[in-house]
Amino acid sequence: MHNSLLRGTSSSLPDLRQETEELDLILQQLNVCEKRGFKVPCM
């Protein structure tokens, strides 16, 4: 079921996956900053 769906959009999967990973990294950095008491983004 998922395989057929992914096969139809295989061309856009790498970009979406990369964006998701980048967003996850940013969220992880923000979470780390919040845990350490900082209110500014860690970039």
N, C-alpha and C. Protein backbone atom coordinates (compact mmCIF):
# COMPACT_ATOMS: atom_id res chain seq x y z
N MET A 1 0.85 -1.20 0.00
CA MET A 1 0.00 0.00 0.00
C MET A 1 0.89 1.25 0.00
N HIS A 2 1.81 1.32 0.95
CA HIS A 2 2.71 2.47 0.99
C HIS A 2 3.69 2.43 -0.17
N ASN A 3 4.10 1.23 -0.58
CA ASN A 3 5.08 1.11 -1.65
C ASN A 3 4.57 1.74 -2.94
N SER A 4 3.33 1.45 -3.31
CA SER A 4 2.78 2.00 -4.54
C SER A 4 2.67 3.52 -4.45
N LEU A 5 2.35 4.02 -3.27
CA LEU A 5 2.22 5.46 -3.08
C LEU A 5 3.60 6.13 -3.20
N LEU A 6 4.61 5.51 -2.57
CA LEU A 6 5.95 6.08 -2.62
C LEU A 6 6.51 6.01 -4.04
N ARG A 7 6.17 4.95 -4.77
CA ARG A 7 6.71 4.79 -6.11
C ARG A 7 6.24 5.93 -7.02
N GLY A 8 5.02 6.45 -6.77
CA GLY A 8 4.49 7.52 -7.61
C GLY A 8 5.14 8.86 -7.34
N THR A 9 5.72 9.03 -6.13
CA THR A 9 6.31 10.33 -5.79
C THR A 9 7.78 10.17 -5.44
N SER A 10 8.43 9.17 -6.03
CA SER A 10 9.83 8.89 -5.69
C SER A 10 10.73 10.06 -6.04
N SER A 11 10.36 10.85 -7.06
CA SER A 11 11.23 11.93 -7.51
C SER A 11 11.33 13.04 -6.45
N SER A 12 10.28 13.23 -5.66
CA SER A 12 10.27 14.33 -4.69
C SER A 12 10.64 13.85 -3.28
N LEU A 13 10.76 12.56 -3.07
CA LEU A 13 11.06 12.05 -1.73
C LEU A 13 12.40 12.54 -1.19
N PRO A 14 13.49 12.50 -1.94
CA PRO A 14 14.79 12.92 -1.39
C PRO A 14 14.75 14.35 -0.86
N ASP A 15 14.14 15.28 -1.62
CA ASP A 15 14.08 16.67 -1.17
C ASP A 15 13.26 16.79 0.11
N LEU A 16 12.10 16.13 0.15
CA LEU A 16 11.26 16.20 1.34
C LEU A 16 11.99 15.60 2.53
N ARG A 17 12.68 14.51 2.30
CA ARG A 17 13.41 13.87 3.40
C ARG A 17 14.50 14.79 3.92
N GLN A 18 15.21 15.46 3.00
CA GLN A 18 16.29 16.36 3.43
C GLN A 18 15.72 17.53 4.22
N GLU A 19 14.61 18.11 3.73
CA GLU A 19 14.00 19.23 4.46
C GLU A 19 13.55 18.79 5.84
N THR A 20 12.97 17.60 5.92
CA THR A 20 12.51 17.09 7.22
C THR A 20 13.68 16.92 8.17
N GLU A 21 14.80 16.37 7.66
CA GLU A 21 15.96 16.17 8.51
C GLU A 21 16.51 17.51 8.99
N GLU A 22 16.54 18.51 8.10
CA GLU A 22 17.04 19.82 8.49
C GLU A 22 16.15 20.45 9.56
N LEU A 23 14.83 20.32 9.37
CA LEU A 23 13.89 20.86 10.37
C LEU A 23 14.06 20.14 11.70
N ASP A 24 14.26 18.83 11.65
CA ASP A 24 14.45 18.06 12.88
C ASP A 24 15.71 18.53 13.61
N LEU A 25 16.79 18.79 12.85
CA LEU A 25 18.03 19.26 13.48
C LEU A 25 17.81 20.61 14.14
N ILE A 26 17.08 21.50 13.46
CA ILE A 26 16.81 22.82 14.03
C ILE A 26 15.99 22.68 15.30
N LEU A 27 14.96 21.83 15.26
CA LEU A 27 14.13 21.64 16.44
C LEU A 27 14.94 21.05 17.59
N GLN A 28 15.84 20.12 17.27
CA GLN A 28 16.68 19.51 18.30
C GLN A 28 17.57 20.58 18.93
N GLN A 29 18.14 21.46 18.10
CA GLN A 29 19.00 22.53 18.62
C GLN A 29 18.20 23.46 19.51
N LEU A 30 16.97 23.81 19.06
CA LEU A 30 16.13 24.70 19.87
C LEU A 30 15.79 24.04 21.19
N ASN A 31 15.48 22.74 21.15
CA ASN A 31 15.14 22.03 22.38
C ASN A 31 16.32 22.02 23.34
N VAL A 32 17.52 21.83 22.80
CA VAL A 32 18.72 21.82 23.64
C VAL A 32 18.89 23.18 24.30
N CYS A 33 18.69 24.24 23.53
CA CYS A 33 18.83 25.60 24.07
C CYS A 33 17.82 25.84 25.17
N GLU A 34 16.57 25.40 24.95
CA GLU A 34 15.53 25.60 25.96
C GLU A 34 15.88 24.84 27.23
N LYS A 35 16.40 23.64 27.08
CA LYS A 35 16.74 22.85 28.25
C LYS A 35 17.88 23.51 29.03
N ARG A 36 18.75 24.22 28.30
CA ARG A 36 19.89 24.88 28.96
C ARG A 36 19.51 26.27 29.49
N GLY A 37 18.25 26.69 29.25
CA GLY A 37 17.80 27.96 29.80
C GLY A 37 17.94 29.12 28.84
N PHE A 38 18.35 28.86 27.57
CA PHE A 38 18.49 29.94 26.61
C PHE A 38 17.18 30.12 25.84
N LYS A 39 16.86 31.33 25.50
CA LYS A 39 15.64 31.62 24.75
C LYS A 39 15.94 32.01 23.30
N VAL A 40 17.19 31.91 22.88
CA VAL A 40 17.56 32.27 21.51
C VAL A 40 17.90 31.01 20.73
N PRO A 41 17.69 30.98 19.40
CA PRO A 41 18.00 29.81 18.58
C PRO A 41 19.50 29.51 18.56
N CYS A 42 19.84 28.25 18.62
CA CYS A 42 21.25 27.85 18.52
C CYS A 42 21.60 27.65 17.05
N MET A 43 22.25 28.63 16.42
CA MET A 43 22.61 28.51 15.01
C MET A 43 24.06 28.92 14.80
